[in-house]
Amino acid sequence: MPSSHQYLLNDQGLGCQVEINGDSRRIIPCGYHRDRAENVIMKLDSASRANTGNQLERIIDPKPCFVELARRLDKQGAPPAGGWYLVAEQREWLVAQLKNAISETNSREIRILEAGIASHNHHYSFLDLVAQALEGATRKPKIHVTIVDRCEYPIAISKTIHDELITEPNVRSSLPRMEDSSTELFLSFVISRRNAGQYTSIEQSFVVGDLRDPKSIGLEANSFDIITEHFISSVIANLDLLESFRRAYADLLRPGGLLLTAYGATLPLKEVEFQEVQDMHKRLRFVPGKFEYVWDPYGLQEDHLDPLLEEDPVSVTVISDNSVQPFRLAE
C-alpha cells in the first residue's frame, strides 16, 4: 500500500550529527535534511478549486504547474520544497497574516521566530514571503528573523548563503561542501540583485538547539512578535511533545504576539485530537483565530497525482486534511 510522501521522508531519520577530529569539524546530515537540501523552490501559480459538494475536497486541474508538481513527486526531477511557498493557498494566507501584523504595529521593529527549517530553500522562500508582506506597506518596520532548528545542517547552509549575499549581493552561489559527497550543494534558484537586497535588508540570526529549552540556546522571554511554524506536527509524535513546544512559544512571545501555524491531520475523523489541540492552546493562553482547511502535496499518497501524468491528464481530487490558523497570546 502506498505511503504518504511525508511518512517516507520521516522514515529517513531525523538528527544531524557533527563529527570532530582534532581541529576539523564535519556536519553529517540526517536522511531527512539531506533529502530536503536537494529540493528546488517551486511555486504553484494556481490555486486548487473547491468541490461545491464537499467543503473538505479540492480539485487539482491538469494545469502545467500541477503536472510539474506530479512529475517531481514521481521522482522525475528534484522534489519541490514543501514550505509555505509551494501551495498558493498557504502562501497567500501567510503573506496576508504578515501584512496585517505589519499594518497593526506601532513598533519600529518586528521580531519573527522561524521555528524549524527543512532546508535553505524552505528558509529563503519564507524570506521572500516576508519581503512580499512588506511591499506596499505605508510603514515599514525593521524585520529581524531568528531561525532555529535542532539540526545544524540546514542552519549552516542557510547561514553560508546569508554570509555570501552580504559580501557579494549578486551572487549565483555554489555552496561549500558540508560533508563528504560526490556532488556540491547548489542554491536551487538564481538570486537577482533585487531579491538579494530584500534578503540582506532583513536581519537574520541563526540558532542551533532545542526550542523546548529557549534559555539554553540564548533566547529571551517575551522577545518575539511573531512565531511561524509549518507542519512541525508532521514530525512530532504526540500531543504532549507538541505542547512542550507551545509552552516555549508562550514564553518567547510578547503578550499579544502571534503564532502562525500550519497543522496536519485535521480531518473530522480526528476531531477529538483536533479539539485536544485547540484546548491545549487555550490552556497556554493562546486565543485561537479563524481556522481554515488547506491541502498539502506531501500529505498525499505516493501515487495520488498519477492521473496528472497520463497522456490525457485528468483532474484529481485531494482532501484538505491540514489547517492554517493564527493564535494570539493573551495580554
C-alpha atoms as a PDB file:
ATOM      1  CA  MET A   1       0.000   0.000   0.000  1.00  0.00           C
ATOM      2  CA  PRO A   2       1.447   3.405  -0.955  1.00  0.00           C
ATOM      3  CA  SER A   3       2.527   5.656   1.886  1.00  0.00           C
ATOM      4  CA  SER A   4       2.370   9.438   2.048  1.00  0.00           C
ATOM      5  CA  HIS A   5       5.359  11.430   0.879  1.00  0.00           C
ATOM      6  CA  GLN A   6       5.772  12.899   4.382  1.00  0.00           C
ATOM      7  CA  TYR A   7       5.888   9.491   6.071  1.00  0.00           C
ATOM      8  CA  LEU A   8       8.534   8.366   3.602  1.00  0.00           C
ATOM      9  CA  LEU A   9      10.601  11.441   4.463  1.00  0.00           C
ATOM     10  CA  ASN A  10      10.230  10.855   8.201  1.00  0.00           C
ATOM     11  CA  ASP A  11      11.400   7.262   7.767  1.00  0.00           C
ATOM     12  CA  GLN A  12      14.773   8.544   6.588  1.00  0.00           C
ATOM     13  CA  GLY A  13      15.522   9.631  10.138  1.00  0.00           C
ATOM     14  CA  LEU A  14      15.922  12.949  11.931  1.00  0.00           C
ATOM     15  CA  GLY A  15      19.004  14.066  13.795  1.00  0.00           C
ATOM     16  CA  CYS A  16      22.071  15.513  12.066  1.00  0.00           C
ATOM     17  CA  GLN A  17      25.446  14.692  13.589  1.00  0.00           C
ATOM     18  CA  VAL A  18      28.719  16.594  13.996  1.00  0.00           C
ATOM     19  CA  GLU A  19      31.974  14.676  13.729  1.00  0.00           C
ATOM     20  CA  ILE A  20      35.024  16.269  15.374  1.00  0.00           C
ATOM     21  CA  ASN A  21      38.515  15.007  14.619  1.00  0.00           C
ATOM     22  CA  GLY A  22      41.181  17.196  16.191  1.00  0.00           C
ATOM     23  CA  ASP A  23      40.732  20.667  14.745  1.00  0.00           C
ATOM     24  CA  SER A  24      38.488  19.515  11.922  1.00  0.00           C
ATOM     25  CA  ARG A  25      34.726  19.533  12.170  1.00  0.00           C
ATOM     26  CA  ARG A  26      32.303  17.867   9.760  1.00  0.00           C
ATOM     27  CA  ILE A  27      28.499  18.065   9.665  1.00  0.00           C
ATOM     28  CA  ILE A  28      26.828  14.778   8.771  1.00  0.00           C
ATOM     29  CA  PRO A  29      23.205  15.364   7.737  1.00  0.00           C
ATOM     30  CA  CYS A  30      20.394  13.075   8.729  1.00  0.00           C
ATOM     31  CA  GLY A  31      18.457  11.434   5.922  1.00  0.00           C
ATOM     32  CA  TYR A  32      15.598  13.895   6.215  1.00  0.00           C
ATOM     33  CA  HIS A  33      17.710  17.043   5.918  1.00  0.00           C
ATOM     34  CA  ARG A  34      19.956  15.623   3.185  1.00  0.00           C
ATOM     35  CA  ASP A  35      16.841  14.895   1.126  1.00  0.00           C
ATOM     36  CA  ARG A  36      15.357  18.338   1.773  1.00  0.00           C
ATOM     37  CA  ALA A  37      18.625  20.098   0.828  1.00  0.00           C
ATOM     38  CA  GLU A  38      18.206  18.701  -2.675  1.00  0.00           C
ATOM     39  CA  ASN A  39      14.762  20.276  -3.107  1.00  0.00           C
ATOM     40  CA  VAL A  40      14.027  23.005  -5.585  1.00  0.00           C
ATOM     41  CA  ILE A  41      11.930  26.041  -4.848  1.00  0.00           C
ATOM     42  CA  MET A  42       8.686  25.644  -6.741  1.00  0.00           C
ATOM     43  CA  LYS A  43       5.589  27.822  -6.784  1.00  0.00           C
ATOM     44  CA  LEU A  44       2.140  26.548  -7.740  1.00  0.00           C
ATOM     45  CA  ASP A  45       0.887  29.659  -9.519  1.00  0.00           C
ATOM     46  CA  SER A  46      -2.708  28.398  -9.498  1.00  0.00           C
ATOM     47  CA  ALA A  47      -4.869  27.545  -6.523  1.00  0.00           C
ATOM     48  CA  SER A  48      -6.857  24.342  -6.293  1.00  0.00           C
ATOM     49  CA  ARG A  49     -10.586  24.858  -6.772  1.00  0.00           C
ATOM     50  CA  ALA A  50     -13.322  23.966  -4.328  1.00  0.00           C
ATOM     51  CA  ASN A  51     -15.578  20.984  -4.782  1.00  0.00           C
ATOM     52  CA  THR A  52     -19.007  22.521  -4.238  1.00  0.00           C
ATOM     53  CA  GLY A  53     -20.327  19.183  -2.990  1.00  0.00           C
ATOM     54  CA  ASN A  54     -17.768  18.745  -0.206  1.00  0.00           C
ATOM     55  CA  GLN A  55     -16.058  21.572   1.690  1.00  0.00           C
ATOM     56  CA  LEU A  56     -13.079  19.343   2.520  1.00  0.00           C
ATOM     57  CA  GLU A  57     -12.338  18.399  -1.076  1.00  0.00           C
ATOM     58  CA  ARG A  58     -10.268  20.444  -3.505  1.00  0.00           C
ATOM     59  CA  ILE A  59      -9.863  19.765  -7.205  1.00  0.00           C
ATOM     60  CA  ILE A  60      -6.449  19.853  -8.859  1.00  0.00           C
ATOM     61  CA  ASP A  61      -6.791  20.513 -12.586  1.00  0.00           C
ATOM     62  CA  PRO A  62      -4.136  19.427 -15.112  1.00  0.00           C
ATOM     63  CA  LYS A  63      -2.566  22.875 -15.373  1.00  0.00           C
ATOM     64  CA  PRO A  64       1.181  22.990 -16.137  1.00  0.00           C
ATOM     65  CA  CYS A  65       2.212  23.807 -12.554  1.00  0.00           C
ATOM     66  CA  PHE A  66       0.271  20.856 -11.115  1.00  0.00           C
ATOM     67  CA  VAL A  67       1.565  18.485 -13.800  1.00  0.00           C
ATOM     68  CA  GLU A  68       5.097  19.618 -12.932  1.00  0.00           C
ATOM     69  CA  LEU A  69       4.372  19.007  -9.237  1.00  0.00           C
ATOM     70  CA  ALA A  70       3.163  15.485 -10.007  1.00  0.00           C
ATOM     71  CA  ARG A  71       6.236  14.828 -12.136  1.00  0.00           C
ATOM     72  CA  ARG A  72       8.640  15.909  -9.406  1.00  0.00           C
ATOM     73  CA  LEU A  73       6.829  13.978  -6.679  1.00  0.00           C
ATOM     74  CA  ASP A  74       7.086  10.973  -9.003  1.00  0.00           C
ATOM     75  CA  LYS A  75      10.890  11.355  -8.786  1.00  0.00           C
ATOM     76  CA  GLN A  76      11.162  12.803 -12.293  1.00  0.00           C
ATOM     77  CA  GLY A  77      13.420  15.637 -11.227  1.00  0.00           C
ATOM     78  CA  ALA A  78      14.359  17.170  -7.894  1.00  0.00           C
ATOM     79  CA  PRO A  79      11.404  17.248  -5.473  1.00  0.00           C
ATOM     80  CA  PRO A  80       9.768  20.570  -4.590  1.00  0.00           C
ATOM     81  CA  ALA A  81      10.457  22.332  -1.303  1.00  0.00           C
ATOM     82  CA  GLY A  82       7.259  21.863   0.673  1.00  0.00           C
ATOM     83  CA  GLY A  83       7.305  25.003   2.793  1.00  0.00           C
ATOM     84  CA  TRP A  84       4.871  27.930   2.943  1.00  0.00           C
ATOM     85  CA  TYR A  85       5.846  28.967  -0.601  1.00  0.00           C
ATOM     86  CA  LEU A  86       4.717  25.918  -2.595  1.00  0.00           C
ATOM     87  CA  VAL A  87       0.900  25.883  -2.345  1.00  0.00           C
ATOM     88  CA  ALA A  88      -0.934  29.065  -3.355  1.00  0.00           C
ATOM     89  CA  GLU A  89      -3.464  28.854  -0.519  1.00  0.00           C
ATOM     90  CA  GLN A  90      -0.786  28.516   2.171  1.00  0.00           C
ATOM     91  CA  ARG A  91       1.486  31.157   0.614  1.00  0.00           C
ATOM     92  CA  GLU A  92      -1.283  33.740   0.306  1.00  0.00           C
ATOM     93  CA  TRP A  93      -2.543  33.070   3.839  1.00  0.00           C
ATOM     94  CA  LEU A  94       0.882  33.679   5.390  1.00  0.00           C
ATOM     95  CA  VAL A  95       1.504  36.874   3.407  1.00  0.00           C
ATOM     96  CA  ALA A  96      -1.932  38.205   4.424  1.00  0.00           C
ATOM     97  CA  GLN A  97      -1.259  37.431   8.104  1.00  0.00           C
ATOM     98  CA  LEU A  98       2.148  39.144   7.970  1.00  0.00           C
ATOM     99  CA  LYS A  99       0.694  42.165   6.155  1.00  0.00           C
ATOM    100  CA  ASN A 100      -1.927  42.543   8.898  1.00  0.00           C
ATOM    101  CA  ALA A 101       0.715  42.312  11.610  1.00  0.00           C
ATOM    102  CA  ILE A 102       2.868  44.944   9.879  1.00  0.00           C
ATOM    103  CA  SER A 103      -0.070  47.323   9.426  1.00  0.00           C
ATOM    104  CA  GLU A 104      -1.151  46.955  13.058  1.00  0.00           C
ATOM    105  CA  THR A 105       2.206  47.518  14.731  1.00  0.00           C
ATOM    106  CA  ASN A 106       3.380  50.778  16.227  1.00  0.00           C
ATOM    107  CA  SER A 107       6.858  49.368  16.734  1.00  0.00           C
ATOM    108  CA  ARG A 108       9.905  50.204  14.650  1.00  0.00           C
ATOM    109  CA  GLU A 109      10.902  46.536  14.633  1.00  0.00           C
ATOM    110  CA  ILE A 110       9.127  43.207  14.242  1.00  0.00           C
ATOM    111  CA  ARG A 111      10.952  40.150  15.522  1.00  0.00           C
ATOM    112  CA  ILE A 112       9.978  36.839  13.913  1.00  0.00           C
ATOM    113  CA  LEU A 113      10.952  33.366  15.096  1.00  0.00           C
ATOM    114  CA  GLU A 114      11.020  30.806  12.276  1.00  0.00           C
ATOM    115  CA  ALA A 115      10.528  27.593  14.230  1.00  0.00           C
ATOM    116  CA  GLY A 116      12.338  24.827  12.366  1.00  0.00           C
ATOM    117  CA  ILE A 117      13.542  24.728   8.762  1.00  0.00           C
ATOM    118  CA  ALA A 118      13.760  21.733   6.475  1.00  0.00           C
ATOM    119  CA  SER A 119      16.376  23.311   4.201  1.00  0.00           C
ATOM    120  CA  HIS A 120      17.873  26.575   2.945  1.00  0.00           C
ATOM    121  CA  ASN A 121      15.307  26.508   0.126  1.00  0.00           C
ATOM    122  CA  HIS A 122      12.449  26.479   2.625  1.00  0.00           C
ATOM    123  CA  HIS A 123      14.087  29.331   4.544  1.00  0.00           C
ATOM    124  CA  TYR A 124      14.818  31.616   1.603  1.00  0.00           C
ATOM    125  CA  SER A 125      11.377  31.107   0.071  1.00  0.00           C
ATOM    126  CA  PHE A 126       9.993  32.053   3.523  1.00  0.00           C
ATOM    127  CA  LEU A 127      12.061  35.254   3.442  1.00  0.00           C
ATOM    128  CA  ASP A 128      10.620  36.003   0.014  1.00  0.00           C
ATOM    129  CA  LEU A 129       7.134  35.930   1.548  1.00  0.00           C
ATOM    130  CA  VAL A 130       8.257  38.244   4.372  1.00  0.00           C
ATOM    131  CA  ALA A 131       9.565  40.641   1.710  1.00  0.00           C
ATOM    132  CA  GLN A 132       6.236  40.400  -0.160  1.00  0.00           C
ATOM    133  CA  ALA A 133       4.374  41.298   3.034  1.00  0.00           C
ATOM    134  CA  LEU A 134       6.446  44.484   3.304  1.00  0.00           C
ATOM    135  CA  GLU A 135       5.651  45.585  -0.255  1.00  0.00           C
ATOM    136  CA  GLY A 136       3.216  48.479  -0.325  1.00  0.00           C
ATOM    137  CA  ALA A 137       3.238  48.943   3.452  1.00  0.00           C
ATOM    138  CA  THR A 138       2.867  52.585   4.483  1.00  0.00           C
ATOM    139  CA  ARG A 139       5.117  51.937   7.462  1.00  0.00           C
ATOM    140  CA  LYS A 140       7.997  49.526   7.062  1.00  0.00           C
ATOM    141  CA  PRO A 141       9.363  48.381  10.403  1.00  0.00           C
ATOM    142  CA  LYS A 142      12.736  46.705  10.528  1.00  0.00           C
ATOM    143  CA  ILE A 143      12.330  42.923  10.339  1.00  0.00           C
ATOM    144  CA  HIS A 144      14.539  40.557  12.316  1.00  0.00           C
ATOM    145  CA  VAL A 145      14.141  36.826  11.671  1.00  0.00           C
ATOM    146  CA  THR A 146      15.642  34.270  14.055  1.00  0.00           C
ATOM    147  CA  ILE A 147      15.871  30.776  12.543  1.00  0.00           C
ATOM    148  CA  VAL A 148      16.037  27.864  14.980  1.00  0.00           C
ATOM    149  CA  ASP A 149      16.429  24.165  14.300  1.00  0.00           C
ATOM    150  CA  ARG A 150      17.891  21.396  16.429  1.00  0.00           C
ATOM    151  CA  CYS A 151      19.808  20.093  13.387  1.00  0.00           C
ATOM    152  CA  GLU A 152      22.883  22.063  12.331  1.00  0.00           C
ATOM    153  CA  TYR A 153      22.915  21.090   8.657  1.00  0.00           C
ATOM    154  CA  PRO A 154      20.073  23.319   7.334  1.00  0.00           C
ATOM    155  CA  ILE A 155      21.129  26.160   9.632  1.00  0.00           C
ATOM    156  CA  ALA A 156      24.749  26.022   8.440  1.00  0.00           C
ATOM    157  CA  ILE A 157      23.791  26.094   4.754  1.00  0.00           C
ATOM    158  CA  SER A 158      21.337  28.967   5.279  1.00  0.00           C
ATOM    159  CA  LYS A 159      23.971  30.979   7.135  1.00  0.00           C
ATOM    160  CA  THR A 160      26.540  30.309   4.410  1.00  0.00           C
ATOM    161  CA  ILE A 161      24.152  31.738   1.813  1.00  0.00           C
ATOM    162  CA  HIS A 162      23.420  34.729   4.044  1.00  0.00           C
ATOM    163  CA  ASP A 163      27.114  35.465   4.511  1.00  0.00           C
ATOM    164  CA  GLU A 164      27.776  35.182   0.759  1.00  0.00           C
ATOM    165  CA  LEU A 165      24.907  37.542  -0.016  1.00  0.00           C
ATOM    166  CA  ILE A 166      26.313  40.113   2.407  1.00  0.00           C
ATOM    167  CA  THR A 167      29.720  40.068   0.707  1.00  0.00           C
ATOM    168  CA  GLU A 168      28.534  39.575  -2.901  1.00  0.00           C
ATOM    169  CA  PRO A 169      24.888  40.601  -3.347  1.00  0.00           C
ATOM    170  CA  ASN A 170      24.642  39.482  -6.987  1.00  0.00           C
ATOM    171  CA  VAL A 171      25.967  36.021  -6.242  1.00  0.00           C
ATOM    172  CA  ARG A 172      24.935  32.970  -8.218  1.00  0.00           C
ATOM    173  CA  SER A 173      26.025  30.747  -5.420  1.00  0.00           C
ATOM    174  CA  SER A 174      27.613  27.344  -5.278  1.00  0.00           C
ATOM    175  CA  LEU A 175      27.942  26.343  -1.678  1.00  0.00           C
ATOM    176  CA  PRO A 176      30.922  24.748   0.026  1.00  0.00           C
ATOM    177  CA  ARG A 177      30.579  21.032   0.540  1.00  0.00           C
ATOM    178  CA  MET A 178      29.260  20.410   4.039  1.00  0.00           C
ATOM    179  CA  GLU A 179      30.329  16.754   4.209  1.00  0.00           C
ATOM    180  CA  ASP A 180      31.899  14.052   2.066  1.00  0.00           C
ATOM    181  CA  SER A 181      29.836  13.766  -1.069  1.00  0.00           C
ATOM    182  CA  SER A 182      30.324  13.322  -4.775  1.00  0.00           C
ATOM    183  CA  THR A 183      28.277  16.414  -5.555  1.00  0.00           C
ATOM    184  CA  GLU A 184      28.304  20.033  -4.473  1.00  0.00           C
ATOM    185  CA  LEU A 185      25.180  21.538  -2.960  1.00  0.00           C
ATOM    186  CA  PHE A 186      23.896  24.329  -5.151  1.00  0.00           C
ATOM    187  CA  LEU A 187      21.492  27.085  -4.350  1.00  0.00           C
ATOM    188  CA  SER A 188      18.478  25.990  -6.356  1.00  0.00           C
ATOM    189  CA  PHE A 189      17.430  29.392  -7.622  1.00  0.00           C
ATOM    190  CA  VAL A 190      19.246  32.399  -9.024  1.00  0.00           C
ATOM    191  CA  ILE A 191      19.215  35.339  -6.641  1.00  0.00           C
ATOM    192  CA  SER A 192      18.661  38.560  -8.534  1.00  0.00           C
ATOM    193  CA  ARG A 193      20.149  41.803  -7.283  1.00  0.00           C
ATOM    194  CA  ARG A 194      16.676  42.940  -6.194  1.00  0.00           C
ATOM    195  CA  ASN A 195      15.959  39.799  -4.216  1.00  0.00           C
ATOM    196  CA  ALA A 196      19.405  39.772  -2.673  1.00  0.00           C
ATOM    197  CA  GLY A 197      18.749  43.295  -1.445  1.00  0.00           C
ATOM    198  CA  GLN A 198      15.475  42.131   0.099  1.00  0.00           C
ATOM    199  CA  TYR A 199      17.116  39.226   1.878  1.00  0.00           C
ATOM    200  CA  THR A 200      20.042  41.197   3.271  1.00  0.00           C
ATOM    201  CA  SER A 201      17.761  44.031   4.444  1.00  0.00           C
ATOM    202  CA  ILE A 202      16.000  41.511   6.683  1.00  0.00           C
ATOM    203  CA  GLU A 203      18.239  40.950   9.680  1.00  0.00           C
ATOM    204  CA  GLN A 204      18.821  37.298  10.496  1.00  0.00           C
ATOM    205  CA  SER A 205      20.104  35.247  13.404  1.00  0.00           C
ATOM    206  CA  PHE A 206      20.887  31.535  13.100  1.00  0.00           C
ATOM    207  CA  VAL A 207      20.482  29.285  16.137  1.00  0.00           C
ATOM    208  CA  VAL A 208      21.047  25.544  16.560  1.00  0.00           C
ATOM    209  CA  GLY A 209      19.277  23.981  19.508  1.00  0.00           C
ATOM    210  CA  ASP A 210      16.115  22.672  21.110  1.00  0.00           C
ATOM    211  CA  LEU A 211      13.279  25.187  21.086  1.00  0.00           C
ATOM    212  CA  ARG A 212      11.721  23.482  24.088  1.00  0.00           C
ATOM    213  CA  ASP A 213      14.522  24.950  26.224  1.00  0.00           C
ATOM    214  CA  PRO A 214      14.838  28.548  24.979  1.00  0.00           C
ATOM    215  CA  LYS A 215      17.210  29.731  27.710  1.00  0.00           C
ATOM    216  CA  SER A 216      19.755  27.050  26.842  1.00  0.00           C
ATOM    217  CA  ILE A 217      20.102  28.482  23.317  1.00  0.00           C
ATOM    218  CA  GLY A 218      20.113  32.135  24.331  1.00  0.00           C
ATOM    219  CA  LEU A 219      16.518  33.079  23.515  1.00  0.00           C
ATOM    220  CA  GLU A 220      14.953  35.544  25.930  1.00  0.00           C
ATOM    221  CA  ALA A 221      11.380  35.552  27.201  1.00  0.00           C
ATOM    222  CA  ASN A 222       8.885  37.931  25.551  1.00  0.00           C
ATOM    223  CA  SER A 223      11.359  38.684  22.764  1.00  0.00           C
ATOM    224  CA  PHE A 224       9.308  37.833  19.658  1.00  0.00           C
ATOM    225  CA  ASP A 225       6.305  39.428  17.993  1.00  0.00           C
ATOM    226  CA  ILE A 226       5.552  36.523  15.636  1.00  0.00           C
ATOM    227  CA  ILE A 227       6.368  32.809  15.593  1.00  0.00           C
ATOM    228  CA  THR A 228       5.806  30.819  12.408  1.00  0.00           C
ATOM    229  CA  GLU A 229       5.573  27.043  12.381  1.00  0.00           C
ATOM    230  CA  HIS A 230       4.981  24.998   9.227  1.00  0.00           C
ATOM    231  CA  PHE A 231       3.775  21.416   9.790  1.00  0.00           C
ATOM    232  CA  ILE A 232       6.057  20.658  12.711  1.00  0.00           C
ATOM    233  CA  SER A 233       3.190  18.342  13.674  1.00  0.00           C
ATOM    234  CA  SER A 234       4.251  16.143  10.740  1.00  0.00           C
ATOM    235  CA  VAL A 235       7.396  15.081  12.585  1.00  0.00           C
ATOM    236  CA  ILE A 236       6.178  15.281  16.200  1.00  0.00           C
ATOM    237  CA  ALA A 237       4.969  12.014  17.634  1.00  0.00           C
ATOM    238  CA  ASN A 238       2.294  13.068  20.134  1.00  0.00           C
ATOM    239  CA  LEU A 239       0.303  15.867  21.719  1.00  0.00           C
ATOM    240  CA  ASP A 240       2.473  16.048  24.856  1.00  0.00           C
ATOM    241  CA  LEU A 241       5.538  16.739  22.715  1.00  0.00           C
ATOM    242  CA  LEU A 242       3.667  19.358  20.723  1.00  0.00           C
ATOM    243  CA  GLU A 243       2.587  21.017  23.976  1.00  0.00           C
ATOM    244  CA  SER A 244       6.211  21.281  25.109  1.00  0.00           C
ATOM    245  CA  PHE A 245       6.907  23.432  22.046  1.00  0.00           C
ATOM    246  CA  ARG A 246       3.814  25.523  22.644  1.00  0.00           C
ATOM    247  CA  ARG A 247       4.874  26.193  26.243  1.00  0.00           C
ATOM    248  CA  ALA A 248       8.167  27.527  24.933  1.00  0.00           C
ATOM    249  CA  TYR A 249       6.338  29.716  22.411  1.00  0.00           C
ATOM    250  CA  ALA A 250       4.142  31.123  25.175  1.00  0.00           C
ATOM    251  CA  ASP A 251       7.332  32.109  26.991  1.00  0.00           C
ATOM    252  CA  LEU A 252       9.059  33.554  23.916  1.00  0.00           C
ATOM    253  CA  LEU A 253       6.179  35.631  22.538  1.00  0.00           C
ATOM    254  CA  ARG A 254       5.449  39.051  23.925  1.00  0.00           C
ATOM    255  CA  PRO A 255       1.870  39.469  25.245  1.00  0.00           C
ATOM    256  CA  GLY A 256      -0.345  39.973  22.211  1.00  0.00           C
ATOM    257  CA  GLY A 257       2.162  38.248  19.939  1.00  0.00           C
ATOM    258  CA  LEU A 258       1.126  35.953  17.079  1.00  0.00           C
ATOM    259  CA  LEU A 259       1.659  32.251  16.465  1.00  0.00           C
ATOM    260  CA  LEU A 260       1.053  31.488  12.780  1.00  0.00           C
ATOM    261  CA  THR A 261       0.820  27.761  12.331  1.00  0.00           C
ATOM    262  CA  ALA A 262       0.113  25.136   9.714  1.00  0.00           C
ATOM    263  CA  TYR A 263      -1.062  21.955  11.368  1.00  0.00           C
ATOM    264  CA  GLY A 264      -1.568  18.470   9.930  1.00  0.00           C
ATOM    265  CA  ALA A 265      -4.195  15.771  10.449  1.00  0.00           C
ATOM    266  CA  THR A 266      -7.362  17.798  10.983  1.00  0.00           C
ATOM    267  CA  LEU A 267      -9.915  15.598   9.257  1.00  0.00           C
ATOM    268  CA  PRO A 268     -13.286  15.207  11.035  1.00  0.00           C
ATOM    269  CA  LEU A 269     -12.267  11.603  11.652  1.00  0.00           C
ATOM    270  CA  LYS A 270      -9.649  13.053  14.007  1.00  0.00           C
ATOM    271  CA  GLU A 271     -11.896  15.697  15.515  1.00  0.00           C
ATOM    272  CA  VAL A 272     -11.183  14.515  19.081  1.00  0.00           C
ATOM    273  CA  GLU A 273      -7.459  15.011  18.570  1.00  0.00           C
ATOM    274  CA  PHE A 274      -8.136  18.357  16.887  1.00  0.00           C
ATOM    275  CA  GLN A 275     -10.247  19.550  19.817  1.00  0.00           C
ATOM    276  CA  GLU A 276      -7.493  18.490  22.220  1.00  0.00           C
ATOM    277  CA  VAL A 277      -5.055  20.642  20.267  1.00  0.00           C
ATOM    278  CA  GLN A 278      -7.406  23.630  20.436  1.00  0.00           C
ATOM    279  CA  ASP A 279      -7.923  23.128  24.174  1.00  0.00           C
ATOM    280  CA  MET A 280      -4.189  22.848  24.742  1.00  0.00           C
ATOM    281  CA  HIS A 281      -3.623  26.226  23.092  1.00  0.00           C
ATOM    282  CA  LYS A 282      -6.314  27.826  25.245  1.00  0.00           C
ATOM    283  CA  ARG A 283      -4.719  26.419  28.436  1.00  0.00           C
ATOM    284  CA  LEU A 284      -1.483  28.138  27.440  1.00  0.00           C
ATOM    285  CA  ARG A 285      -3.254  31.499  26.883  1.00  0.00           C
ATOM    286  CA  PHE A 286      -3.304  31.280  23.075  1.00  0.00           C
ATOM    287  CA  VAL A 287      -6.510  32.796  21.711  1.00  0.00           C
ATOM    288  CA  PRO A 288      -7.442  30.933  18.512  1.00  0.00           C
ATOM    289  CA  GLY A 289      -8.180  32.854  15.336  1.00  0.00           C
ATOM    290  CA  LYS A 290     -10.018  31.736  12.220  1.00  0.00           C
ATOM    291  CA  PHE A 291      -9.345  28.101  11.320  1.00  0.00           C
ATOM    292  CA  GLU A 292      -9.022  27.251   7.613  1.00  0.00           C
ATOM    293  CA  TYR A 293      -8.647  23.899   5.879  1.00  0.00           C
ATOM    294  CA  VAL A 294      -5.785  23.536   3.380  1.00  0.00           C
ATOM    295  CA  TRP A 295      -4.314  20.711   1.326  1.00  0.00           C
ATOM    296  CA  ASP A 296      -0.629  19.869   1.156  1.00  0.00           C
ATOM    297  CA  PRO A 297       1.180  17.802  -1.510  1.00  0.00           C
ATOM    298  CA  TYR A 298       3.403  15.966   0.965  1.00  0.00           C
ATOM    299  CA  GLY A 299       0.376  14.623   2.791  1.00  0.00           C
ATOM    300  CA  LEU A 300      -0.775  12.795  -0.346  1.00  0.00           C
ATOM    301  CA  GLN A 301      -0.158   9.138  -1.065  1.00  0.00           C
ATOM    302  CA  GLU A 302       2.711   8.405  -3.441  1.00  0.00           C
ATOM    303  CA  ASP A 303       0.501   7.638  -6.430  1.00  0.00           C
ATOM    304  CA  HIS A 304      -2.287  10.150  -5.758  1.00  0.00           C
ATOM    305  CA  LEU A 305      -1.322  12.597  -8.511  1.00  0.00           C
ATOM    306  CA  ASP A 306      -0.542   9.930 -11.127  1.00  0.00           C
ATOM    307  CA  PRO A 307      -3.653  10.811 -13.233  1.00  0.00           C
ATOM    308  CA  LEU A 308      -1.964  14.153 -13.958  1.00  0.00           C
ATOM    309  CA  LEU A 309       0.889  12.252 -15.645  1.00  0.00           C
ATOM    310  CA  GLU A 310      -1.266  10.361 -18.133  1.00  0.00           C
ATOM    311  CA  GLU A 311      -1.108  11.121 -21.852  1.00  0.00           C
ATOM    312  CA  ASP A 312      -4.514  12.724 -21.448  1.00  0.00           C
ATOM    313  CA  PRO A 313      -4.285  14.068 -17.881  1.00  0.00           C
ATOM    314  CA  VAL A 314      -7.429  14.454 -15.812  1.00  0.00           C
ATOM    315  CA  SER A 315      -8.312  16.419 -12.690  1.00  0.00           C
ATOM    316  CA  VAL A 316      -7.562  14.919  -9.281  1.00  0.00           C
ATOM    317  CA  THR A 317      -9.494  15.383  -6.039  1.00  0.00           C
ATOM    318  CA  VAL A 318      -7.472  15.998  -2.879  1.00  0.00           C
ATOM    319  CA  ILE A 319      -8.594  16.256   0.729  1.00  0.00           C
ATOM    320  CA  SER A 320      -7.927  19.384   2.766  1.00  0.00           C
ATOM    321  CA  ASP A 321      -6.775  17.376   5.782  1.00  0.00           C
ATOM    322  CA  ASN A 322      -4.495  20.125   7.097  1.00  0.00           C
ATOM    323  CA  SER A 323      -5.140  23.572   8.502  1.00  0.00           C
ATOM    324  CA  VAL A 324      -3.747  27.045   8.907  1.00  0.00           C
ATOM    325  CA  GLN A 325      -4.651  29.080  11.970  1.00  0.00           C
ATOM    326  CA  PRO A 326      -3.396  32.150  13.831  1.00  0.00           C
ATOM    327  CA  PHE A 327      -3.225  32.266  17.620  1.00  0.00           C
ATOM    328  CA  ARG A 328      -2.685  35.413  19.654  1.00  0.00           C
ATOM    329  CA  LEU A 329      -1.073  35.194  23.069  1.00  0.00           C
ATOM    330  CA  ALA A 330      -3.393  36.776  25.631  1.00  0.00           C
ATOM    331  CA  GLU A 331      -2.139  40.004  27.172  1.00  0.00           C
END
